[in-house]
Amino acid sequence: MASVVRNKRGSIITQFALLLPILVVLVLMSFEVWQIISVKKSLHMAAYQAARYIASFPHELREGKNVTTAQKARTLIEENLVANPLLADRLDEIEVYVSPLGWDCGAEFEVAVAIVWETSMPFLDRIWRGTLISNYTDRIICRE
């Protein structure tokens, strides 16, 4: 009877030893997915905030002396992204694109924010290395 208990205990340890690397990889991959989702959400909110500002106050950008639309959008985007600790030290890597604006009422424009994102797990960089992009399209708001 004692040998049967010993054999079961040994088989449980063997099963655990075989499954442990898989569980560790799953936990690390879920952390990577969380980082990607967090960065993507921050990029989207930053693009949204910049687009809403441009849509709501186009006259400020039109009358600005040295401030171009892209510079103002980048400033607003950086202010939003500083709050994310994953992006706070990588603000210089972020690319901002603002489509050409027509200043007419209802003119459509787009704000896009992009960053190259690499995984921190050595074997996953062969599987995924990509650019996270968030676009937001809006229209100039007419105020009478």
N, C-alpha and C. Protein backbone atom coordinates (compact mmCIF):
# COMPACT_ATOMS: atom_id res chain seq x y z
N MET A 1 0.82 -1.19 0.00
CA MET A 1 0.00 0.00 0.00
C MET A 1 0.86 1.26 0.00
N ALA A 2 1.94 1.27 0.73
CA ALA A 2 2.83 2.43 0.81
C ALA A 2 3.46 2.72 -0.56
N SER A 3 3.74 1.69 -1.36
CA SER A 3 4.35 1.93 -2.67
C SER A 3 3.36 2.59 -3.63
N VAL A 4 2.06 2.29 -3.48
CA VAL A 4 1.04 2.92 -4.32
C VAL A 4 0.96 4.42 -4.01
N VAL A 5 0.98 4.79 -2.71
CA VAL A 5 0.94 6.19 -2.32
C VAL A 5 2.18 6.90 -2.82
N ARG A 6 3.34 6.29 -2.71
CA ARG A 6 4.59 6.87 -3.17
C ARG A 6 4.55 7.08 -4.68
N ASN A 7 3.99 6.15 -5.42
CA ASN A 7 3.91 6.28 -6.87
C ASN A 7 2.98 7.43 -7.28
N LYS A 8 1.85 7.59 -6.57
CA LYS A 8 0.94 8.69 -6.87
C LYS A 8 1.60 10.03 -6.58
N ARG A 9 2.31 10.11 -5.47
CA ARG A 9 2.98 11.35 -5.11
C ARG A 9 4.04 11.69 -6.17
N GLY A 10 4.75 10.74 -6.63
CA GLY A 10 5.76 10.96 -7.66
C GLY A 10 5.14 11.39 -8.98
N SER A 11 3.98 10.80 -9.30
CA SER A 11 3.34 11.18 -10.56
C SER A 11 2.78 12.60 -10.50
N ILE A 12 2.32 13.02 -9.34
CA ILE A 12 1.81 14.39 -9.19
C ILE A 12 2.95 15.39 -9.34
N ILE A 13 4.10 15.09 -8.74
CA ILE A 13 5.25 15.98 -8.86
C ILE A 13 5.73 16.04 -10.31
N THR A 14 5.70 14.92 -11.00
CA THR A 14 6.10 14.89 -12.41
C THR A 14 5.13 15.71 -13.25
N GLN A 15 3.84 15.57 -13.01
CA GLN A 15 2.85 16.36 -13.75
C GLN A 15 3.03 17.85 -13.49
N PHE A 16 3.28 18.19 -12.24
CA PHE A 16 3.49 19.59 -11.90
C PHE A 16 4.75 20.13 -12.60
N ALA A 17 5.80 19.34 -12.61
CA ALA A 17 7.04 19.77 -13.26
C ALA A 17 6.85 19.95 -14.77
N LEU A 18 6.00 19.15 -15.37
CA LEU A 18 5.74 19.29 -16.80
C LEU A 18 4.85 20.48 -17.11
N LEU A 19 3.92 20.79 -16.22
CA LEU A 19 2.97 21.89 -16.47
C LEU A 19 3.48 23.26 -16.01
N LEU A 20 4.44 23.29 -15.10
CA LEU A 20 4.93 24.56 -14.58
C LEU A 20 5.45 25.50 -15.66
N PRO A 21 6.29 25.07 -16.60
CA PRO A 21 6.75 26.00 -17.64
C PRO A 21 5.61 26.56 -18.49
N ILE A 22 4.62 25.74 -18.77
CA ILE A 22 3.47 26.20 -19.55
C ILE A 22 2.70 27.26 -18.77
N LEU A 23 2.50 27.04 -17.48
CA LEU A 23 1.79 28.02 -16.65
C LEU A 23 2.57 29.33 -16.55
N VAL A 24 3.88 29.24 -16.40
CA VAL A 24 4.70 30.46 -16.32
C VAL A 24 4.60 31.25 -17.62
N VAL A 25 4.67 30.57 -18.76
CA VAL A 25 4.56 31.24 -20.06
C VAL A 25 3.19 31.90 -20.20
N LEU A 26 2.13 31.23 -19.78
CA LEU A 26 0.79 31.80 -19.87
C LEU A 26 0.66 33.05 -19.00
N VAL A 27 1.23 33.03 -17.81
CA VAL A 27 1.17 34.20 -16.93
C VAL A 27 1.95 35.36 -17.56
N LEU A 28 3.14 35.09 -18.08
CA LEU A 28 3.94 36.15 -18.69
C LEU A 28 3.27 36.69 -19.96
N MET A 29 2.67 35.82 -20.73
CA MET A 29 1.97 36.27 -21.94
C MET A 29 0.76 37.12 -21.58
N SER A 30 0.05 36.76 -20.53
CA SER A 30 -1.09 37.57 -20.12
C SER A 30 -0.63 38.95 -19.66
N PHE A 31 0.54 39.05 -19.04
CA PHE A 31 1.09 40.34 -18.66
C PHE A 31 1.42 41.16 -19.91
N GLU A 32 1.99 40.53 -20.93
CA GLU A 32 2.29 41.22 -22.19
C GLU A 32 1.01 41.73 -22.85
N VAL A 33 -0.02 40.90 -22.86
CA VAL A 33 -1.30 41.31 -23.46
C VAL A 33 -1.87 42.49 -22.69
N TRP A 34 -1.76 42.46 -21.37
CA TRP A 34 -2.24 43.58 -20.55
C TRP A 34 -1.50 44.86 -20.92
N GLN A 35 -0.18 44.78 -21.10
CA GLN A 35 0.60 45.96 -21.47
C GLN A 35 0.14 46.52 -22.82
N ILE A 36 -0.06 45.64 -23.78
CA ILE A 36 -0.48 46.07 -25.11
C ILE A 36 -1.85 46.74 -25.05
N ILE A 37 -2.77 46.16 -24.30
CA ILE A 37 -4.11 46.75 -24.16
C ILE A 37 -4.03 48.11 -23.47
N SER A 38 -3.21 48.22 -22.44
CA SER A 38 -3.05 49.48 -21.73
C SER A 38 -2.48 50.57 -22.63
N VAL A 39 -1.46 50.23 -23.40
CA VAL A 39 -0.85 51.20 -24.31
C VAL A 39 -1.84 51.60 -25.40
N LYS A 40 -2.54 50.62 -25.96
CA LYS A 40 -3.51 50.90 -27.02
C LYS A 40 -4.62 51.82 -26.51
N LYS A 41 -5.09 51.57 -25.30
CA LYS A 41 -6.14 52.41 -24.73
C LYS A 41 -5.63 53.83 -24.50
N SER A 42 -4.40 53.97 -24.02
CA SER A 42 -3.83 55.30 -23.81
C SER A 42 -3.66 56.05 -25.13
N LEU A 43 -3.21 55.35 -26.17
CA LEU A 43 -3.07 55.98 -27.48
C LEU A 43 -4.42 56.45 -28.01
N HIS A 44 -5.44 55.62 -27.83
CA HIS A 44 -6.77 55.98 -28.31
C HIS A 44 -7.30 57.22 -27.58
N MET A 45 -7.16 57.25 -26.27
CA MET A 45 -7.65 58.39 -25.51
C MET A 45 -6.89 59.67 -25.87
N ALA A 46 -5.59 59.54 -26.10
CA ALA A 46 -4.81 60.71 -26.48
C ALA A 46 -5.24 61.24 -27.84
N ALA A 47 -5.44 60.35 -28.80
CA ALA A 47 -5.90 60.76 -30.13
C ALA A 47 -7.29 61.40 -30.03
N TYR A 48 -8.15 60.83 -29.22
CA TYR A 48 -9.49 61.37 -29.03
C TYR A 48 -9.44 62.79 -28.46
N GLN A 49 -8.63 62.97 -27.41
CA GLN A 49 -8.54 64.29 -26.77
C GLN A 49 -8.02 65.34 -27.74
N ALA A 50 -7.00 64.98 -28.51
CA ALA A 50 -6.44 65.93 -29.48
C ALA A 50 -7.46 66.27 -30.56
N ALA A 51 -8.16 65.26 -31.06
CA ALA A 51 -9.16 65.49 -32.11
C ALA A 51 -10.31 66.35 -31.59
N ARG A 52 -10.76 66.10 -30.39
CA ARG A 52 -11.85 66.90 -29.84
C ARG A 52 -11.43 68.35 -29.64
N TYR A 53 -10.18 68.56 -29.22
CA TYR A 53 -9.70 69.93 -29.05
C TYR A 53 -9.65 70.65 -30.39
N ILE A 54 -9.09 69.98 -31.39
CA ILE A 54 -8.98 70.58 -32.72
C ILE A 54 -10.37 70.87 -33.28
N ALA A 55 -11.30 69.93 -33.08
CA ALA A 55 -12.67 70.13 -33.60
C ALA A 55 -13.39 71.26 -32.88
N SER A 56 -13.14 71.43 -31.61
CA SER A 56 -13.86 72.42 -30.82
C SER A 56 -13.27 73.82 -30.93
N PHE A 57 -11.96 73.91 -31.12
CA PHE A 57 -11.30 75.22 -31.14
C PHE A 57 -10.42 75.40 -32.36
N PRO A 58 -10.96 75.27 -33.56
CA PRO A 58 -10.11 75.42 -34.74
C PRO A 58 -9.59 76.84 -34.92
N HIS A 59 -10.32 77.82 -34.39
CA HIS A 59 -9.89 79.21 -34.55
C HIS A 59 -8.60 79.49 -33.79
N GLU A 60 -8.37 78.81 -32.65
CA GLU A 60 -7.12 78.99 -31.91
C GLU A 60 -5.93 78.51 -32.72
N LEU A 61 -6.13 77.43 -33.44
CA LEU A 61 -5.03 76.90 -34.24
C LEU A 61 -4.82 77.75 -35.48
N ARG A 62 -5.89 78.25 -36.04
CA ARG A 62 -5.79 79.06 -37.24
C ARG A 62 -5.12 80.40 -36.94
N GLU A 63 -5.41 80.95 -35.76
CA GLU A 63 -4.87 82.26 -35.41
C GLU A 63 -3.54 82.18 -34.67
N GLY A 64 -3.09 80.96 -34.33
CA GLY A 64 -1.83 80.79 -33.60
C GLY A 64 -0.65 81.30 -34.40
N LYS A 65 0.31 81.89 -33.71
CA LYS A 65 1.43 82.48 -34.42
C LYS A 65 2.43 81.41 -34.88
N ASN A 66 2.96 80.61 -33.95
CA ASN A 66 3.96 79.61 -34.31
C ASN A 66 3.49 78.18 -34.03
N VAL A 67 2.26 78.02 -33.67
CA VAL A 67 1.77 76.69 -33.29
C VAL A 67 1.03 76.08 -34.48
N THR A 68 1.56 75.01 -35.00
CA THR A 68 0.85 74.31 -36.07
C THR A 68 -0.12 73.32 -35.45
N THR A 69 -1.02 72.84 -36.24
CA THR A 69 -2.01 71.88 -35.75
C THR A 69 -1.34 70.62 -35.22
N ALA A 70 -0.35 70.12 -35.94
CA ALA A 70 0.34 68.90 -35.51
C ALA A 70 1.10 69.12 -34.20
N GLN A 71 1.69 70.30 -34.03
CA GLN A 71 2.41 70.58 -32.78
C GLN A 71 1.44 70.63 -31.60
N LYS A 72 0.31 71.28 -31.79
CA LYS A 72 -0.67 71.36 -30.71
C LYS A 72 -1.24 69.97 -30.39
N ALA A 73 -1.51 69.19 -31.44
CA ALA A 73 -2.00 67.82 -31.22
C ALA A 73 -0.95 67.01 -30.47
N ARG A 74 0.30 67.13 -30.84
CA ARG A 74 1.37 66.39 -30.16
C ARG A 74 1.47 66.79 -28.69
N THR A 75 1.35 68.08 -28.41
CA THR A 75 1.39 68.54 -27.03
C THR A 75 0.25 67.94 -26.22
N LEU A 76 -0.95 67.97 -26.76
CA LEU A 76 -2.10 67.38 -26.06
C LEU A 76 -1.92 65.88 -25.87
N ILE A 77 -1.40 65.21 -26.88
CA ILE A 77 -1.19 63.76 -26.80
C ILE A 77 -0.15 63.43 -25.73
N GLU A 78 0.94 64.18 -25.70
CA GLU A 78 1.98 63.93 -24.70
C GLU A 78 1.45 64.16 -23.29
N GLU A 79 0.62 65.19 -23.12
CA GLU A 79 0.02 65.45 -21.80
C GLU A 79 -0.83 64.26 -21.35
N ASN A 80 -1.52 63.61 -22.29
CA ASN A 80 -2.35 62.46 -21.93
C ASN A 80 -1.51 61.20 -21.70
N LEU A 81 -0.44 61.03 -22.45
CA LEU A 81 0.34 59.79 -22.36
C LEU A 81 1.31 59.77 -21.18
N VAL A 82 1.62 60.91 -20.61
CA VAL A 82 2.52 60.96 -19.47
C VAL A 82 1.95 60.17 -18.29
N ALA A 83 0.64 60.09 -18.20
CA ALA A 83 -0.01 59.38 -17.10
C ALA A 83 0.20 57.88 -17.15
N ASN A 84 0.52 57.33 -18.33
CA ASN A 84 0.73 55.88 -18.45
C ASN A 84 2.21 55.60 -18.20
N PRO A 85 2.54 54.86 -17.12
CA PRO A 85 3.96 54.61 -16.82
C PRO A 85 4.69 53.80 -17.90
N LEU A 86 3.95 53.07 -18.72
CA LEU A 86 4.58 52.32 -19.80
C LEU A 86 5.04 53.23 -20.93
N LEU A 87 4.45 54.42 -21.03
CA LEU A 87 4.76 55.34 -22.12
C LEU A 87 5.46 56.61 -21.68
N ALA A 88 5.50 56.88 -20.39
CA ALA A 88 6.01 58.16 -19.90
C ALA A 88 7.44 58.44 -20.35
N ASP A 89 8.28 57.43 -20.41
CA ASP A 89 9.68 57.64 -20.81
C ASP A 89 9.91 57.38 -22.30
N ARG A 90 8.85 57.12 -23.06
CA ARG A 90 9.00 56.84 -24.48
C ARG A 90 8.25 57.85 -25.35
N LEU A 91 8.01 59.04 -24.85
CA LEU A 91 7.24 60.03 -25.58
C LEU A 91 7.94 60.46 -26.87
N ASP A 92 9.26 60.41 -26.90
CA ASP A 92 9.97 60.82 -28.11
C ASP A 92 9.83 59.80 -29.24
N GLU A 93 9.39 58.58 -28.94
CA GLU A 93 9.20 57.54 -29.95
C GLU A 93 7.81 57.59 -30.60
N ILE A 94 6.93 58.40 -30.07
CA ILE A 94 5.56 58.44 -30.54
C ILE A 94 5.46 59.33 -31.77
N GLU A 95 4.77 58.83 -32.78
CA GLU A 95 4.56 59.59 -34.00
C GLU A 95 3.11 60.07 -34.05
N VAL A 96 2.94 61.33 -34.42
CA VAL A 96 1.61 61.94 -34.49
C VAL A 96 1.37 62.39 -35.93
N TYR A 97 0.19 62.10 -36.42
CA TYR A 97 -0.20 62.52 -37.76
C TYR A 97 -1.55 63.21 -37.67
N VAL A 98 -1.62 64.41 -38.21
CA VAL A 98 -2.89 65.12 -38.32
C VAL A 98 -3.14 65.36 -39.79
N SER A 99 -4.26 64.84 -40.29
CA SER A 99 -4.57 65.01 -41.71
C SER A 99 -4.78 66.49 -42.00
N PRO A 100 -4.59 66.89 -43.24
CA PRO A 100 -4.78 68.31 -43.60
C PRO A 100 -6.17 68.78 -43.22
N LEU A 101 -6.20 69.96 -42.66
CA LEU A 101 -7.48 70.51 -42.22
C LEU A 101 -7.99 71.53 -43.23
N GLY A 102 -9.27 71.45 -43.49
CA GLY A 102 -9.96 72.54 -44.15
C GLY A 102 -10.71 73.24 -43.03
N TRP A 103 -10.69 74.53 -42.98
CA TRP A 103 -11.27 75.23 -41.85
C TRP A 103 -12.76 75.46 -42.00
N ASP A 104 -13.37 74.87 -43.01
CA ASP A 104 -14.80 75.04 -43.21
C ASP A 104 -15.58 74.28 -42.14
N CYS A 105 -16.82 74.73 -41.93
CA CYS A 105 -17.69 74.02 -40.99
C CYS A 105 -17.90 72.60 -41.45
N GLY A 106 -17.75 71.66 -40.54
CA GLY A 106 -17.99 70.27 -40.85
C GLY A 106 -16.85 69.58 -41.59
N ALA A 107 -15.73 70.27 -41.80
CA ALA A 107 -14.60 69.64 -42.49
C ALA A 107 -14.08 68.46 -41.67
N GLU A 108 -13.82 67.36 -42.33
CA GLU A 108 -13.37 66.15 -41.64
C GLU A 108 -11.85 66.10 -41.59
N PHE A 109 -11.33 65.63 -40.47
CA PHE A 109 -9.88 65.47 -40.32
C PHE A 109 -9.63 64.23 -39.46
N GLU A 110 -8.38 63.81 -39.42
CA GLU A 110 -8.03 62.61 -38.66
C GLU A 110 -6.77 62.86 -37.86
N VAL A 111 -6.75 62.34 -36.63
CA VAL A 111 -5.57 62.37 -35.79
C VAL A 111 -5.16 60.92 -35.58
N ALA A 112 -3.90 60.61 -35.85
CA ALA A 112 -3.38 59.25 -35.66
C ALA A 112 -2.15 59.31 -34.75
N VAL A 113 -2.06 58.35 -33.85
CA VAL A 113 -0.93 58.24 -32.93
C VAL A 113 -0.38 56.83 -33.09
N ALA A 114 0.96 56.72 -33.20
CA ALA A 114 1.57 55.40 -33.41
C ALA A 114 2.84 55.28 -32.59
N ILE A 115 3.14 54.04 -32.17
CA ILE A 115 4.38 53.72 -31.49
C ILE A 115 4.75 52.29 -31.84
N VAL A 116 6.03 52.03 -32.05
CA VAL A 116 6.50 50.66 -32.27
C VAL A 116 6.59 50.00 -30.91
N TRP A 117 5.95 48.85 -30.78
CA TRP A 117 5.91 48.17 -29.49
C TRP A 117 6.52 46.79 -29.63
N GLU A 118 7.50 46.51 -28.80
CA GLU A 118 8.14 45.21 -28.79
C GLU A 118 7.83 44.51 -27.48
N THR A 119 7.75 43.19 -27.53
CA THR A 119 7.49 42.44 -26.31
C THR A 119 8.77 42.36 -25.49
N SER A 120 8.61 42.16 -24.20
CA SER A 120 9.78 42.04 -23.33
C SER A 120 10.19 40.59 -23.13
N MET A 121 9.45 39.67 -23.72
CA MET A 121 9.80 38.25 -23.62
C MET A 121 10.62 37.86 -24.85
N PRO A 122 11.81 37.32 -24.65
CA PRO A 122 12.73 37.09 -25.76
C PRO A 122 12.18 36.21 -26.88
N PHE A 123 11.44 35.18 -26.56
CA PHE A 123 10.96 34.27 -27.60
C PHE A 123 9.70 34.77 -28.29
N LEU A 124 9.03 35.75 -27.73
CA LEU A 124 7.82 36.28 -28.36
C LEU A 124 8.12 37.32 -29.42
N ASP A 125 9.33 37.89 -29.42
CA ASP A 125 9.63 38.92 -30.41
C ASP A 125 9.68 38.35 -31.83
N ARG A 126 9.86 37.05 -31.96
CA ARG A 126 9.79 36.42 -33.28
C ARG A 126 8.34 36.30 -33.74
N ILE A 127 7.44 36.18 -32.79
CA ILE A 127 6.02 36.01 -33.10
C ILE A 127 5.36 37.37 -33.37
N TRP A 128 5.64 38.36 -32.50
CA TRP A 128 4.96 39.64 -32.65
C TRP A 128 5.89 40.79 -32.33
N ARG A 129 6.04 41.66 -33.25
CA ARG A 129 6.69 42.96 -33.07
C ARG A 129 5.94 43.87 -34.00
N GLY A 130 5.22 44.81 -33.46
CA GLY A 130 4.37 45.60 -34.33
C GLY A 130 4.25 47.03 -33.90
N THR A 131 3.52 47.75 -34.69
CA THR A 131 3.25 49.16 -34.41
C THR A 131 1.81 49.28 -33.92
N LEU A 132 1.66 49.87 -32.77
CA LEU A 132 0.32 50.13 -32.25
C LEU A 132 -0.12 51.49 -32.78
N ILE A 133 -1.27 51.52 -33.44
CA ILE A 133 -1.77 52.75 -34.04
C ILE A 133 -3.20 52.99 -33.54
N SER A 134 -3.47 54.24 -33.24
CA SER A 134 -4.83 54.61 -32.88
C SER A 134 -5.22 55.82 -33.71
N ASN A 135 -6.32 55.70 -34.42
CA ASN A 135 -6.83 56.78 -35.27
C ASN A 135 -8.13 57.30 -34.69
N TYR A 136 -8.36 58.57 -34.86
CA TYR A 136 -9.64 59.14 -34.49
C TYR A 136 -10.01 60.18 -35.52
N THR A 137 -11.18 60.03 -36.12
CA THR A 137 -11.66 60.95 -37.14
C THR A 137 -12.76 61.83 -36.53
N ASP A 138 -12.71 63.11 -36.85
CA ASP A 138 -13.70 64.03 -36.30
C ASP A 138 -13.99 65.11 -37.35
N ARG A 139 -14.93 65.98 -37.02
CA ARG A 139 -15.30 67.08 -37.91
C ARG A 139 -15.19 68.39 -37.14
N ILE A 140 -14.86 69.45 -37.87
CA ILE A 140 -14.80 70.79 -37.26
C ILE A 140 -16.21 71.16 -36.81
N ILE A 141 -16.32 71.62 -35.58
CA ILE A 141 -17.61 72.01 -35.02
C ILE A 141 -17.87 73.47 -35.37
N CYS A 142 -19.05 73.75 -35.89
CA CYS A 142 -19.42 75.11 -36.27
C CYS A 142 -20.10 75.80 -35.09
N ARG A 143 -19.62 76.98 -34.77
CA ARG A 143 -20.24 77.78 -33.69
C ARG A 143 -20.72 79.09 -34.28
N GLU A 144 -21.90 79.40 -33.96
CA GLU A 144 -22.46 80.63 -34.54
C GLU A 144 -22.61 81.72 -33.53
